[in-house]
């Protein structure tokens, strides 16, 4: 028997409450309205690096235990990355400054708690890996060159948007996974790029709006040229307990 159940009302509630609620971690952190207590006063850090002589594909690797991560692109061929990071003062006292480094074509960001706003440029291509134990991830793929993407949370929400001005590198896979939470995505692939989307839940529901994609099953859709296109994007979304909402245009 299939594990998939299309229940629009239930899915909408799960995604709205869990995914958006988890992503609110990002907003709460960035708003920084914590001045009522010095222990909660936000502490900000900024890091940036130019492309310089960097060539080839650059990997973004983010690992934060609790917090929020937003990744977006900027039409700037000289920018390799810009990271704005914020945490409460008490977290800074306990854990110190986040670890940010760039070596061997890998950008790494690691910390126990906090919110990261990451901006990537258009001068090189990227792969993206973001892992959170608890919190929200929001990623917009546009303008820049992108290969494989992996977004994972233990408890929280994932929000992914793919716009048709993104440059697809190779035949990438995009993996979205949360144990308890929700996944919401909007996919608008560039012309000539094939696409496949496959979703699964253990306890929860999947709701897909895909007027121009071919329905393979209630949770698996492909573009009509997926098997024949010179390039294709394969997207998978898995939630153990929660909901998945996808709009494929």
Protein backbone atom coordinates (compact mmCIF):
# COMPACT_ATOMS: atom_id res chain seq x y z
CA UNK A 1 0.00 0.00 0.00
CA UNK A 2 1.25 3.50 -0.80
CA UNK A 3 2.47 5.74 2.01
CA UNK A 4 1.20 8.82 0.14
CA UNK A 5 -2.07 10.49 0.92
CA UNK A 6 -3.19 13.61 -0.90
CA UNK A 7 -5.11 15.66 1.64
CA UNK A 8 -4.88 19.32 0.74
CA UNK A 9 -6.26 20.69 4.00
CA UNK A 10 -4.04 18.55 6.17
CA UNK A 11 -0.94 19.23 4.09
CA UNK A 12 -1.58 22.96 4.07
CA UNK A 13 -1.86 23.01 7.84
CA UNK A 14 1.30 20.98 8.32
CA UNK A 15 3.35 23.07 5.92
CA UNK A 16 2.02 26.39 7.21
CA UNK A 17 2.48 25.59 10.88
CA UNK A 18 5.66 23.53 10.80
CA UNK A 19 7.62 24.77 7.80
CA UNK A 20 6.82 28.44 8.20
CA UNK A 21 7.07 28.19 11.95
CA UNK A 22 10.51 26.66 11.74
CA UNK A 23 11.63 29.23 9.19
CA UNK A 24 10.53 31.90 11.63
CA UNK A 25 13.71 31.01 13.49
CA UNK A 26 15.50 32.89 10.72
CA UNK A 27 13.27 35.93 11.00
CA UNK A 28 13.38 36.01 14.80
CA UNK A 29 17.14 35.78 14.78
CA UNK A 30 17.60 38.52 12.22
CA UNK A 31 15.11 40.88 13.77
CA UNK A 32 17.18 40.82 16.92
CA UNK A 33 14.44 42.35 19.08
CA UNK A 34 16.17 41.06 22.18
CA UNK A 35 17.38 44.21 23.90
CA UNK A 36 15.28 43.74 27.03
CA UNK A 37 18.11 41.69 28.52
CA UNK A 38 21.84 42.13 27.90
CA UNK A 39 22.17 38.36 27.80
CA UNK A 40 19.85 38.32 24.78
CA UNK A 41 21.31 41.29 22.94
CA UNK A 42 22.23 40.14 19.43
CA UNK A 43 25.87 39.85 18.42
CA UNK A 44 26.60 40.25 14.69
CA UNK A 45 29.44 38.92 12.57
CA UNK A 46 30.17 39.53 8.89
CA UNK A 47 32.50 37.63 6.56
CA UNK A 48 33.15 38.03 2.86
CA UNK A 49 35.53 36.82 0.18
CA UNK A 50 36.02 37.82 -3.43
CA UNK A 51 36.35 35.35 -6.28
CA UNK A 52 39.88 36.48 -7.09
CA UNK A 53 41.68 33.66 -8.89
CA UNK A 54 39.19 30.98 -7.78
CA UNK A 55 38.03 28.70 -10.59
CA UNK A 56 36.02 25.50 -10.80
CA UNK A 57 33.07 24.54 -8.63
CA UNK A 58 32.95 25.86 -5.07
CA UNK A 59 31.21 23.87 -2.34
CA UNK A 60 29.20 25.66 0.35
CA UNK A 61 29.05 23.50 3.48
CA UNK A 62 26.96 24.79 6.40
CA UNK A 63 26.52 22.95 9.69
CA UNK A 64 24.57 24.66 12.49
CA UNK A 65 23.03 22.81 15.41
CA UNK A 66 20.15 25.19 16.15
CA UNK A 67 19.12 28.23 14.16
CA UNK A 68 18.26 29.37 10.68
CA UNK A 69 20.00 29.60 7.32
CA UNK A 70 19.08 31.63 4.27
CA UNK A 71 21.00 31.24 0.99
CA UNK A 72 20.49 33.48 -2.03
CA UNK A 73 22.39 34.74 -5.07
CA UNK A 74 23.46 38.23 -6.12
CA UNK A 75 24.34 39.31 -9.65
CA UNK A 76 27.96 40.01 -8.74
CA UNK A 77 30.77 38.21 -10.58
CA UNK A 78 33.44 39.32 -8.08
CA UNK A 79 31.65 38.06 -4.96
CA UNK A 80 32.53 34.57 -3.76
CA UNK A 81 30.45 34.77 -0.58
CA UNK A 82 29.12 37.15 2.00
CA UNK A 83 27.94 35.75 5.33
CA UNK A 84 26.06 37.73 7.96
CA UNK A 85 25.73 35.77 11.18
CA UNK A 86 23.86 36.73 14.34
CA UNK A 87 23.40 35.07 17.72
CA UNK A 88 22.35 36.04 21.22
CA UNK A 89 25.06 37.43 23.47
CA UNK A 90 24.69 34.52 25.89
CA UNK A 91 25.32 32.11 22.99
CA UNK A 92 28.43 34.06 22.05
CA UNK A 93 29.68 33.87 25.64
CA UNK A 94 29.07 30.11 25.67
CA UNK A 95 30.21 29.13 22.17
CA UNK A 96 32.25 31.98 20.79
CA UNK A 97 32.48 33.17 17.20
CA UNK A 98 31.29 30.96 14.34
CA UNK A 99 33.88 29.13 12.27
CA UNK A 100 34.03 30.45 8.71
CA UNK A 101 36.75 29.36 6.29
CA UNK A 102 37.53 29.00 2.61
CA UNK A 103 40.07 26.39 1.54
CA UNK A 104 40.38 23.92 -1.32
CA UNK A 105 37.30 25.43 -3.00
CA UNK A 106 35.12 24.76 0.06
CA UNK A 107 33.32 27.45 2.04
CA UNK A 108 32.59 26.16 5.54
CA UNK A 109 30.35 27.66 8.21
CA UNK A 110 29.95 25.90 11.54
CA UNK A 111 28.42 26.87 14.85
CA UNK A 112 26.18 25.61 17.63
CA UNK A 113 23.45 28.23 17.41
CA UNK A 114 22.52 31.29 15.37
CA UNK A 115 21.17 32.64 12.13
CA UNK A 116 23.12 32.92 8.88
CA UNK A 117 22.26 35.01 5.84
CA UNK A 118 24.50 33.76 3.02
CA UNK A 119 24.85 35.53 -0.34
CA UNK A 120 26.68 33.90 -3.24
CA UNK A 121 27.88 35.54 -6.45
CA UNK A 122 27.80 34.69 -10.13
CA UNK A 123 31.52 34.37 -10.87
CA UNK A 124 31.82 30.63 -10.13
CA UNK A 125 29.54 27.60 -9.85
CA UNK A 126 28.45 26.15 -6.51
CA UNK A 127 27.24 23.03 -4.79
CA UNK A 128 25.27 23.63 -1.59
CA UNK A 129 25.02 21.51 1.56
CA UNK A 130 23.15 22.79 4.63
CA UNK A 131 22.58 20.68 7.73
CA UNK A 132 20.67 21.78 10.84
CA UNK A 133 19.66 19.70 13.83
CA UNK A 134 16.83 22.11 14.66
CA UNK A 135 15.70 25.11 12.66
CA UNK A 136 14.73 26.41 9.26
CA UNK A 137 16.40 26.57 5.84
CA UNK A 138 15.37 28.93 3.05
CA UNK A 139 17.19 28.78 -0.30
CA UNK A 140 16.57 30.69 -3.53
CA UNK A 141 18.43 29.42 -6.59
CA UNK A 142 18.61 32.19 -9.18
CA UNK A 143 21.15 33.94 -11.41
CA UNK A 144 24.15 31.85 -10.29
CA UNK A 145 25.47 28.48 -11.39
CA UNK A 146 24.35 25.56 -9.21
CA UNK A 147 25.07 21.84 -9.13
CA UNK A 148 24.08 19.37 -6.40
CA UNK A 149 22.07 20.69 -3.43
CA UNK A 150 21.42 18.94 -0.10
CA UNK A 151 19.25 20.56 2.58
CA UNK A 152 18.65 18.62 5.81
CA UNK A 153 17.02 19.38 9.14
CA UNK A 154 16.25 17.13 12.08
CA UNK A 155 13.30 19.18 13.33
CA UNK A 156 12.24 22.15 11.24
CA UNK A 157 11.25 23.41 7.84
CA UNK A 158 12.81 23.69 4.39
CA UNK A 159 11.75 26.25 1.81
CA UNK A 160 13.33 26.00 -1.66
CA UNK A 161 12.69 28.21 -4.70
CA UNK A 162 14.25 27.53 -8.11
CA UNK A 163 13.88 30.33 -10.67
CA UNK A 164 14.29 30.04 -14.42
CA UNK A 165 17.35 32.32 -14.54
CA UNK A 166 19.49 29.86 -12.59
CA UNK A 167 22.36 28.20 -14.47
CA UNK A 168 22.12 24.42 -14.08
CA UNK A 169 25.54 22.75 -13.83
CA UNK A 170 25.62 19.19 -15.16
CA UNK A 171 22.74 16.95 -14.13
CA UNK A 172 22.39 17.81 -10.46
CA UNK A 173 20.44 16.14 -7.71
CA UNK A 174 18.57 18.21 -5.14
CA UNK A 175 17.77 16.45 -1.87
CA UNK A 176 15.44 17.90 0.79
CA UNK A 177 14.91 16.01 4.03
CA UNK A 178 13.54 16.63 7.49
CA UNK A 179 12.62 14.15 10.21
CA UNK A 180 9.87 16.22 11.82
CA UNK A 181 8.67 19.27 9.96
CA UNK A 182 7.67 20.43 6.52
CA UNK A 183 9.05 21.01 3.03
CA UNK A 184 7.77 23.66 0.66
CA UNK A 185 9.20 24.24 -2.80
CA UNK A 186 8.54 26.16 -5.99
CA UNK A 187 10.31 24.96 -9.15
CA UNK A 188 10.52 26.98 -12.36
CA UNK A 189 13.27 25.33 -14.42
CA UNK A 190 15.07 27.08 -17.29
CA UNK A 191 13.88 26.23 -20.79
CA UNK A 192 15.48 23.01 -22.07
CA UNK A 193 16.22 21.59 -18.62
CA UNK A 194 14.35 18.40 -17.75
CA UNK A 195 13.04 17.81 -14.26
CA UNK A 196 11.93 15.04 -11.95
CA UNK A 197 10.31 15.46 -8.53
CA UNK A 198 9.69 12.58 -6.14
CA UNK A 199 8.30 13.05 -2.62
CA UNK A 200 7.70 10.70 0.28
CA UNK A 201 6.44 10.82 3.85
CA UNK A 202 6.04 8.20 6.54
CA UNK A 203 3.37 10.03 8.51
CA UNK A 204 1.92 13.02 6.73
CA UNK A 205 0.90 14.10 3.27
CA UNK A 206 2.14 15.28 -0.11
CA UNK A 207 0.44 17.97 -2.16
CA UNK A 208 1.73 18.75 -5.66
CA UNK A 209 0.56 21.39 -8.11
CA UNK A 210 2.15 20.63 -11.49
CA UNK A 211 -0.04 21.73 -14.42
CA UNK A 212 2.64 21.22 -17.08
CA UNK A 213 4.51 18.22 -15.64
CA UNK A 214 3.62 14.59 -16.26
CA UNK A 215 2.15 12.75 -13.28
CA UNK A 216 3.93 9.43 -12.76
CA UNK A 217 2.18 8.91 -9.41
CA UNK A 218 0.51 11.19 -6.87
CA UNK A 219 3.93 12.13 -5.49
CA UNK A 220 6.19 11.66 -8.54
CA UNK A 221 6.19 14.08 -11.47
CA UNK A 222 8.46 14.59 -14.45
CA UNK A 223 8.73 17.10 -17.27
CA UNK A 224 7.85 15.66 -20.67
CA UNK A 225 11.50 15.94 -21.76
CA UNK A 226 13.08 14.50 -18.61
CA UNK A 227 14.41 11.41 -20.39
CA UNK A 228 15.57 13.24 -23.53
CA UNK A 229 16.85 16.61 -22.33
CA UNK A 230 20.59 17.22 -22.51
CA UNK A 231 20.46 18.33 -18.87
CA UNK A 232 18.07 17.43 -16.10
CA UNK A 233 17.47 18.17 -12.43
CA UNK A 234 16.36 15.37 -10.10
CA UNK A 235 14.62 16.56 -6.92
CA UNK A 236 13.68 14.38 -3.96
CA UNK A 237 11.88 15.46 -0.80
CA UNK A 238 11.42 13.23 2.25
CA UNK A 239 9.67 13.99 5.52
CA UNK A 240 9.32 11.35 8.22
CA UNK A 241 6.55 13.17 10.09
CA UNK A 242 5.04 16.22 8.41
CA UNK A 243 3.97 17.53 5.05
CA UNK A 244 5.32 18.40 1.61
CA UNK A 245 3.93 21.12 -0.63
CA UNK A 246 5.36 21.48 -4.17
CA UNK A 247 4.51 23.83 -7.02
CA UNK A 248 6.11 22.77 -10.30
CA UNK A 249 5.72 25.19 -13.19
